[in-house]
Amino acid sequence: MEFHYYYLIQDIVGIILTFIGVRMLILCFRYIFSNKISKSILILMLKYTLITLSGINLLINQFGTSHWIISIILIFLSYIITPK
């Protein structure tokens, strides 16, 4: 079995994205439970769900450009979604 750094890089980026997404989703749920549900919180939850999905995509799949492209598209979509 050969060791390649790009596998390690993909796993590290996937862990970081998943951790950030899950942490921010937990904060959104805490806000919902302490206050009422608003449209901006639901949009934020969608945004951080997309970030979490991009991290999980990198963690689960083997190295490949298609998985990176899908994750970049998900992150780009999450940055487009901003609450007002």
Protein backbone atom coordinates (compact mmCIF):
# COMPACT_ATOMS: atom_id res chain seq x y z
CA MET A 1 0.00 0.00 0.00
CA GLU A 2 1.47 3.30 -1.07
CA PHE A 3 1.23 6.50 0.92
CA HIS A 4 0.23 9.63 -0.92
CA TYR A 5 -0.04 13.06 0.61
CA TYR A 6 -3.15 13.98 -1.35
CA TYR A 7 -5.15 11.36 0.57
CA LEU A 8 -4.01 12.96 3.80
CA ILE A 9 -4.78 16.47 2.55
CA GLN A 10 -8.27 15.43 1.46
CA ASP A 11 -8.96 13.82 4.85
CA ILE A 12 -7.71 16.86 6.78
CA VAL A 13 -9.80 19.27 4.69
CA GLY A 14 -12.82 16.98 5.08
CA ILE A 15 -12.41 16.82 8.86
CA ILE A 16 -12.06 20.60 9.14
CA LEU A 17 -15.11 21.30 6.96
CA THR A 18 -17.22 18.73 8.77
CA PHE A 19 -16.18 20.03 12.19
CA ILE A 20 -16.96 23.64 11.26
CA GLY A 21 -20.31 22.69 9.74
CA VAL A 22 -21.42 20.51 12.65
CA ARG A 23 -20.30 23.07 15.22
CA MET A 24 -22.21 25.88 13.53
CA LEU A 25 -25.29 23.66 13.12
CA ILE A 26 -25.21 22.95 16.85
CA LEU A 27 -25.07 26.68 17.52
CA CYS A 28 -28.04 27.23 15.19
CA PHE A 29 -30.04 24.55 17.02
CA ARG A 30 -29.18 26.14 20.37
CA TYR A 31 -30.40 29.48 19.06
CA ILE A 32 -33.63 27.90 17.80
CA PHE A 33 -34.31 26.24 21.16
CA SER A 34 -33.66 29.45 23.10
CA ASN A 35 -35.54 31.76 20.71
CA LYS A 36 -38.19 31.30 18.09
CA ILE A 37 -37.49 29.98 14.60
CA SER A 38 -36.81 32.70 12.07
CA LYS A 39 -36.17 32.71 8.36
CA SER A 40 -32.57 33.83 8.76
CA ILE A 41 -31.75 30.97 11.14
CA LEU A 42 -33.19 28.44 8.69
CA ILE A 43 -31.06 29.94 5.91
CA LEU A 44 -27.99 29.74 8.16
CA MET A 45 -28.80 26.11 8.91
CA LEU A 46 -29.02 25.37 5.18
CA LYS A 47 -25.70 27.13 4.66
CA TYR A 48 -23.89 25.11 7.32
CA THR A 49 -25.57 21.89 6.21
CA LEU A 50 -24.02 22.39 2.77
CA ILE A 51 -20.60 22.94 4.35
CA THR A 52 -21.04 19.78 6.43
CA LEU A 53 -22.05 17.80 3.36
CA SER A 54 -19.00 18.99 1.45
CA GLY A 55 -16.75 17.83 4.29
CA ILE A 56 -18.49 14.47 4.52
CA ASN A 57 -18.15 14.11 0.75
CA LEU A 58 -14.38 14.51 1.05
CA LEU A 59 -14.15 12.14 4.02
CA ILE A 60 -16.20 9.27 2.61
CA ASN A 61 -14.98 9.16 -0.98
CA GLN A 62 -11.56 8.26 -2.31
CA PHE A 63 -9.37 10.89 -3.88
CA GLY A 64 -10.72 12.17 -7.16
CA THR A 65 -11.28 15.46 -8.90
CA SER A 66 -15.02 14.88 -9.18
CA HIS A 67 -15.37 14.74 -5.38
CA TRP A 68 -13.34 17.92 -4.98
CA ILE A 69 -15.45 19.67 -7.63
CA ILE A 70 -18.67 18.62 -5.89
CA SER A 71 -17.35 19.87 -2.54
CA ILE A 72 -16.23 23.18 -4.05
CA ILE A 73 -19.66 23.63 -5.66
CA LEU A 74 -21.36 22.93 -2.31
CA ILE A 75 -19.11 25.45 -0.55
CA PHE A 76 -19.74 28.01 -3.30
CA LEU A 77 -23.50 27.49 -2.93
CA SER A 78 -23.20 27.93 0.83
CA TYR A 79 -21.41 31.25 0.37
CA ILE A 80 -24.10 32.44 -2.04
CA ILE A 81 -26.76 31.72 0.59
CA THR A 82 -26.55 34.60 3.06
CA PRO A 83 -29.33 35.77 5.35
CA LYS A 84 -30.37 39.40 5.24
